[in-house]
Amino acid sequence: MARAVKEAKVAELTERFQNSAGAVLTEYRGLTVAQVRELRQALGQDATFAVVKNTLTKIAAKDAGVSADFSELLVGPSAIAFVEGDVVQAAKGLRDFSRANPLLVIKGGVLEGKTMSPDEISKLADLEPRDVLLAKLAGAMKATMAGAAATFTALPVQMARLLAALQEKNAAEGPPGAGNSVPAQDAGPAQDAGPAQDAGPAQDAGQASDAMPAGEAASTEADAQAGDEPAPEADSDQ
C-alpha cells in the first residue's frame, strides 16, 4: 500500500473515531461474505461495519484521542462497527448476531472516549432502544404536567373552602370581648381608698397639743390640795 493511500486511510479512520457516537471492535475470523452482509443489515443504517488494518487503526485511534487500552485490543483480523446513531441498537445487533454466529467475537469498544469491555457492551445491549426511552420520558413528563395542572386547578377551590370555614368559626365565636361586662382595668381605682387611713396621725397631733405639760399639771394639783386644807387657827394667847 502506497504511503499516500495509508495516510488517507488513517485520516478517514481518525474522522470516523471523532464523529462516531461509539465504536465496537470485533474479530471476524472465519465469517463468509454472506454473513458479513447479514451483519451489516442487522446493524441498521446508523452503523457501518468495516474491516481495518491494525497498524493504521492504532495510529488513527491515537490521533483521535482514543484510550490506549483500545489500541491494545487490535490483534488478529479486526473489524470495527462505527455507530453514528443509537449505540444501544448497534450493540444489540452485534450481540444477537454473535450468539447466532459464534465466529464473530466482540473484543471491546469505545463510547464517548471511554473504553468498554465485552461485558459492558452486552449490558448496553440489554437496555431499551433510544426511541423507546424517549417515548417513556415524554410520557412521564406529560403525566407530571397533567398532575401539576390538576393541582393548580384544585388550589382555588381549597382556598375558598378554607376561607368559608374560617368565617363560620369567627361567626360562632362572636366579636372579640363581647362576654366581658366590666373591663379589667376599671377595678384598679378601688385601691386608692387605702391612703385615707393616713389621716389618723393628724388627730394625734391635735391631742398632743391639747395635753398639759407634766410640770404644770403637778403644780396645779398641789395648789388644789392646799386650798382644800383648813387655815391654821389664830393663837388665843395673843
Protein backbone atom coordinates (compact mmCIF):
# COMPACT_ATOMS: atom_id res chain seq x y z
CA MET A 1 0.00 0.00 0.00
CA ALA A 2 1.38 3.37 -1.04
CA ARG A 3 2.21 5.94 1.62
CA ALA A 4 -0.41 8.40 0.35
CA VAL A 5 -3.05 5.70 0.48
CA LYS A 6 -2.06 4.81 4.04
CA GLU A 7 -2.22 8.45 5.11
CA ALA A 8 -5.66 8.83 3.54
CA LYS A 9 -6.84 5.67 5.25
CA VAL A 10 -5.54 6.90 8.62
CA ALA A 11 -7.27 10.26 8.13
CA GLU A 12 -10.55 8.51 7.29
CA LEU A 13 -10.37 6.26 10.36
CA THR A 14 -9.47 9.24 12.58
CA GLU A 15 -12.52 11.14 11.35
CA ARG A 16 -14.75 8.13 12.00
CA PHE A 17 -13.50 7.82 15.56
CA GLN A 18 -14.11 11.52 16.16
CA ASN A 19 -17.56 11.73 14.57
CA SER A 20 -19.00 8.43 15.80
CA ALA A 21 -21.03 8.05 18.98
CA GLY A 22 -19.23 4.76 19.61
CA ALA A 23 -17.13 2.04 18.03
CA VAL A 24 -17.18 -1.71 18.66
CA LEU A 25 -14.11 -3.80 17.82
CA THR A 26 -14.72 -7.38 16.64
CA GLU A 27 -12.77 -10.32 15.32
CA TYR A 28 -14.38 -11.70 12.18
CA ARG A 29 -12.15 -14.73 11.59
CA GLY A 30 -13.97 -17.39 9.55
CA LEU A 31 -17.01 -15.30 8.58
CA THR A 32 -18.16 -15.59 5.00
CA VAL A 33 -19.04 -12.67 2.78
CA ALA A 34 -22.73 -13.53 3.10
CA GLN A 35 -22.51 -13.50 6.90
CA VAL A 36 -20.76 -10.11 6.89
CA ARG A 37 -23.53 -8.76 4.67
CA GLU A 38 -26.14 -10.12 7.08
CA LEU A 39 -24.33 -8.47 9.98
CA ARG A 40 -24.35 -5.09 8.27
CA GLN A 41 -28.09 -5.39 7.73
CA ALA A 42 -28.57 -6.23 11.43
CA LEU A 43 -26.68 -3.10 12.48
CA GLY A 44 -29.05 -0.86 10.56
CA GLN A 45 -28.44 2.40 8.75
CA ASP A 46 -26.84 4.20 11.71
CA ALA A 47 -23.76 1.94 11.85
CA THR A 48 -21.10 0.82 9.41
CA PHE A 49 -19.05 -2.39 9.66
CA ALA A 50 -15.58 -2.16 8.11
CA VAL A 51 -12.53 -4.43 8.03
CA VAL A 52 -9.46 -2.47 9.17
CA LYS A 53 -5.70 -2.78 9.33
CA ASN A 54 -4.44 -2.95 12.90
CA THR A 55 -1.38 -0.75 12.37
CA LEU A 56 -3.28 2.05 10.64
CA THR A 57 -6.14 1.80 13.16
CA LYS A 58 -3.75 2.24 16.07
CA ILE A 59 -2.40 5.44 14.52
CA ALA A 60 -5.90 6.75 13.84
CA ALA A 61 -7.10 5.91 17.35
CA LYS A 62 -4.14 7.76 18.85
CA ASP A 63 -4.75 10.81 16.63
CA ALA A 64 -8.44 10.81 17.63
CA GLY A 65 -7.58 10.75 21.35
CA VAL A 66 -8.94 7.25 21.96
CA SER A 67 -7.62 5.49 25.06
CA ALA A 68 -4.55 3.33 24.64
CA ASP A 69 -6.47 0.40 26.11
CA PHE A 70 -8.48 0.22 22.92
CA SER A 71 -5.35 0.01 20.76
CA GLU A 72 -4.11 -2.97 22.75
CA LEU A 73 -7.14 -4.93 21.53
CA LEU A 74 -6.12 -4.57 17.90
CA VAL A 75 -4.73 -8.07 17.46
CA GLY A 76 -5.69 -10.58 14.75
CA PRO A 77 -8.21 -9.97 11.96
CA SER A 78 -10.16 -6.92 13.10
CA ALA A 79 -13.35 -5.20 12.01
CA ILE A 80 -14.94 -2.16 13.63
CA ALA A 81 -18.59 -1.18 13.79
CA PHE A 82 -18.71 2.63 13.80
CA VAL A 83 -22.02 3.80 15.28
CA GLU A 84 -23.38 7.21 14.34
CA GLY A 85 -26.87 6.81 15.78
CA ASP A 86 -28.33 4.70 18.59
CA VAL A 87 -25.45 2.88 20.29
CA VAL A 88 -27.85 0.55 22.13
CA GLN A 89 -29.41 -0.69 18.89
CA ALA A 90 -25.99 -1.35 17.35
CA ALA A 91 -24.78 -3.20 20.45
CA LYS A 92 -27.96 -5.29 20.42
CA GLY A 93 -27.44 -6.18 16.74
CA LEU A 94 -23.83 -7.24 17.34
CA ARG A 95 -24.69 -9.30 20.42
CA ASP A 96 -27.59 -11.10 18.76
CA PHE A 97 -25.51 -11.84 15.67
CA SER A 98 -22.57 -13.16 17.70
CA ARG A 99 -24.92 -15.52 19.56
CA ALA A 100 -26.17 -16.92 16.25
CA ASN A 101 -22.65 -16.86 14.72
CA PRO A 102 -20.00 -17.60 17.38
CA LEU A 103 -17.24 -16.85 14.87
CA LEU A 104 -17.92 -13.15 15.46
CA VAL A 105 -16.11 -12.23 18.66
CA ILE A 106 -16.78 -8.89 20.35
CA LYS A 107 -13.42 -7.77 21.77
CA GLY A 108 -14.34 -4.39 23.20
CA GLY A 109 -15.27 -0.91 22.20
CA VAL A 110 -15.18 2.78 22.95
CA LEU A 111 -18.10 5.02 23.91
CA GLU A 112 -17.61 8.78 24.22
CA GLY A 113 -13.86 8.28 24.64
CA LYS A 114 -14.19 5.59 27.32
CA THR A 115 -13.03 2.04 26.64
CA MET A 116 -15.69 -0.64 27.14
CA SER A 117 -15.25 -4.34 27.83
CA PRO A 118 -17.30 -7.08 26.10
CA ASP A 119 -19.43 -7.45 29.25
CA GLU A 120 -20.21 -3.73 29.31
CA ILE A 121 -21.24 -3.88 25.65
CA SER A 122 -23.52 -6.82 26.43
CA LYS A 123 -25.13 -4.85 29.28
CA LEU A 124 -25.52 -1.89 26.94
CA ALA A 125 -27.38 -4.17 24.53
CA ASP A 126 -29.84 -5.11 27.30
CA LEU A 127 -31.04 -1.51 27.51
CA GLU A 128 -34.12 -0.37 25.65
CA PRO A 129 -33.60 1.44 22.34
CA ARG A 130 -33.30 5.19 22.30
CA ASP A 131 -36.73 5.70 20.71
CA VAL A 132 -38.42 3.65 23.43
CA LEU A 133 -36.60 5.53 26.20
CA LEU A 134 -37.56 8.88 24.65
CA ALA A 135 -41.19 7.77 24.38
CA LYS A 136 -41.22 6.76 28.07
CA LEU A 137 -39.59 10.04 29.04
CA ALA A 138 -42.17 12.00 27.08
CA GLY A 139 -44.97 10.01 28.73
CA ALA A 140 -43.56 10.65 32.19
CA MET A 141 -43.23 14.37 31.50
CA LYS A 142 -46.80 14.50 30.17
CA ALA A 143 -48.13 12.75 33.28
CA THR A 144 -46.17 15.14 35.51
CA MET A 145 -47.54 18.18 33.71
CA ALA A 146 -51.10 16.79 33.93
CA GLY A 147 -50.69 16.25 37.66
CA ALA A 148 -49.34 19.77 38.13
CA ALA A 149 -52.27 21.23 36.17
CA ALA A 150 -54.77 19.33 38.32
CA THR A 151 -53.05 20.59 41.46
CA PHE A 152 -53.16 24.22 40.31
CA THR A 153 -56.84 23.84 39.39
CA ALA A 154 -57.72 22.47 42.83
CA LEU A 155 -55.95 25.27 44.74
CA PRO A 156 -58.67 27.97 44.32
CA VAL A 157 -61.37 25.50 45.46
CA GLN A 158 -59.36 24.56 48.55
CA MET A 159 -58.71 28.20 49.40
CA ALA A 160 -62.42 29.03 49.08
CA ARG A 161 -63.30 26.16 51.43
CA LEU A 162 -60.70 27.30 53.93
CA LEU A 163 -61.98 30.89 53.94
CA ALA A 164 -65.56 29.71 54.40
CA ALA A 165 -64.54 27.55 57.35
CA LEU A 166 -62.73 30.48 58.96
CA GLN A 167 -65.75 32.73 58.53
CA GLU A 168 -68.04 30.16 60.14
CA LYS A 169 -65.66 29.78 63.06
CA ASN A 170 -65.46 33.56 63.63
CA ALA A 171 -69.24 33.88 63.47
CA ALA A 172 -69.69 31.13 66.05
CA GLU A 173 -67.22 32.71 68.47
CA GLY A 174 -68.76 36.20 68.16
CA PRO A 175 -66.97 39.57 68.21
CA PRO A 176 -63.89 39.76 70.44
CA GLY A 177 -64.59 40.81 74.11
CA ALA A 178 -68.38 40.53 73.88
CA GLY A 179 -68.63 38.37 77.03
CA ASN A 180 -66.74 40.78 79.34
CA SER A 181 -69.19 43.25 81.09
CA VAL A 182 -66.63 45.16 83.15
CA PRO A 183 -63.17 45.88 81.82
CA ALA A 184 -60.35 44.51 83.95
CA GLN A 185 -58.75 47.96 84.21
CA ASP A 186 -61.85 49.54 85.96
CA ALA A 187 -61.17 47.64 89.19
CA GLY A 188 -57.92 49.49 89.69
CA PRO A 189 -59.23 52.74 91.41
CA ALA A 190 -60.58 50.74 94.37
CA GLN A 191 -57.06 50.51 95.67
CA ASP A 192 -56.91 54.35 96.11
CA ALA A 193 -59.04 54.19 99.32
CA GLY A 194 -56.08 52.89 101.28
CA PRO A 195 -54.30 56.24 101.81
CA ALA A 196 -57.34 57.58 103.80
CA GLN A 197 -56.00 55.78 106.87
CA ASP A 198 -53.05 58.17 106.94
CA ALA A 199 -55.36 60.91 108.44
CA GLY A 200 -55.06 59.33 111.88
CA PRO A 201 -51.70 60.82 112.79
CA ALA A 202 -53.06 64.36 112.25
CA GLN A 203 -55.61 63.83 115.00
CA ASP A 204 -52.89 62.50 117.34
CA ALA A 205 -51.01 65.73 116.79
CA GLY A 206 -54.06 67.74 117.84
CA GLN A 207 -54.49 65.72 121.00
CA ALA A 208 -50.83 66.18 121.79
CA SER A 209 -51.23 69.97 121.59
CA ASP A 210 -54.22 69.96 123.94
CA ALA A 211 -52.35 67.93 126.57
CA MET A 212 -50.89 69.91 129.53
CA PRO A 213 -47.21 69.63 130.28
CA ALA A 214 -46.35 67.33 133.17
CA GLY A 215 -44.84 70.11 135.38
CA GLU A 216 -47.84 72.36 135.07
CA ALA A 217 -50.20 69.54 135.94
CA ALA A 218 -48.25 68.76 139.12
CA SER A 219 -48.28 72.36 140.36
CA THR A 220 -51.95 72.74 139.67
CA GLU A 221 -52.73 69.61 141.65
CA ALA A 222 -50.62 70.87 144.61
CA ASP A 223 -52.46 74.21 144.64
CA ALA A 224 -55.75 72.41 144.69
CA GLN A 225 -54.76 70.34 147.68
CA ALA A 226 -53.52 73.42 149.51
CA GLY A 227 -56.82 75.17 149.05
CA ASP A 228 -58.70 72.23 150.47
CA GLU A 229 -56.72 72.19 153.78
CA PRO A 230 -58.17 74.36 156.66
CA ALA A 231 -56.37 77.54 157.53
CA PRO A 232 -54.42 77.44 160.86
CA GLU A 233 -56.27 78.81 163.82
CA ALA A 234 -55.05 82.01 165.46
CA ASP A 235 -53.19 81.68 168.77
CA SER A 236 -55.67 82.67 171.50
CA ASP A 237 -52.87 83.70 173.91
CA GLN A 238 -52.02 86.58 171.62
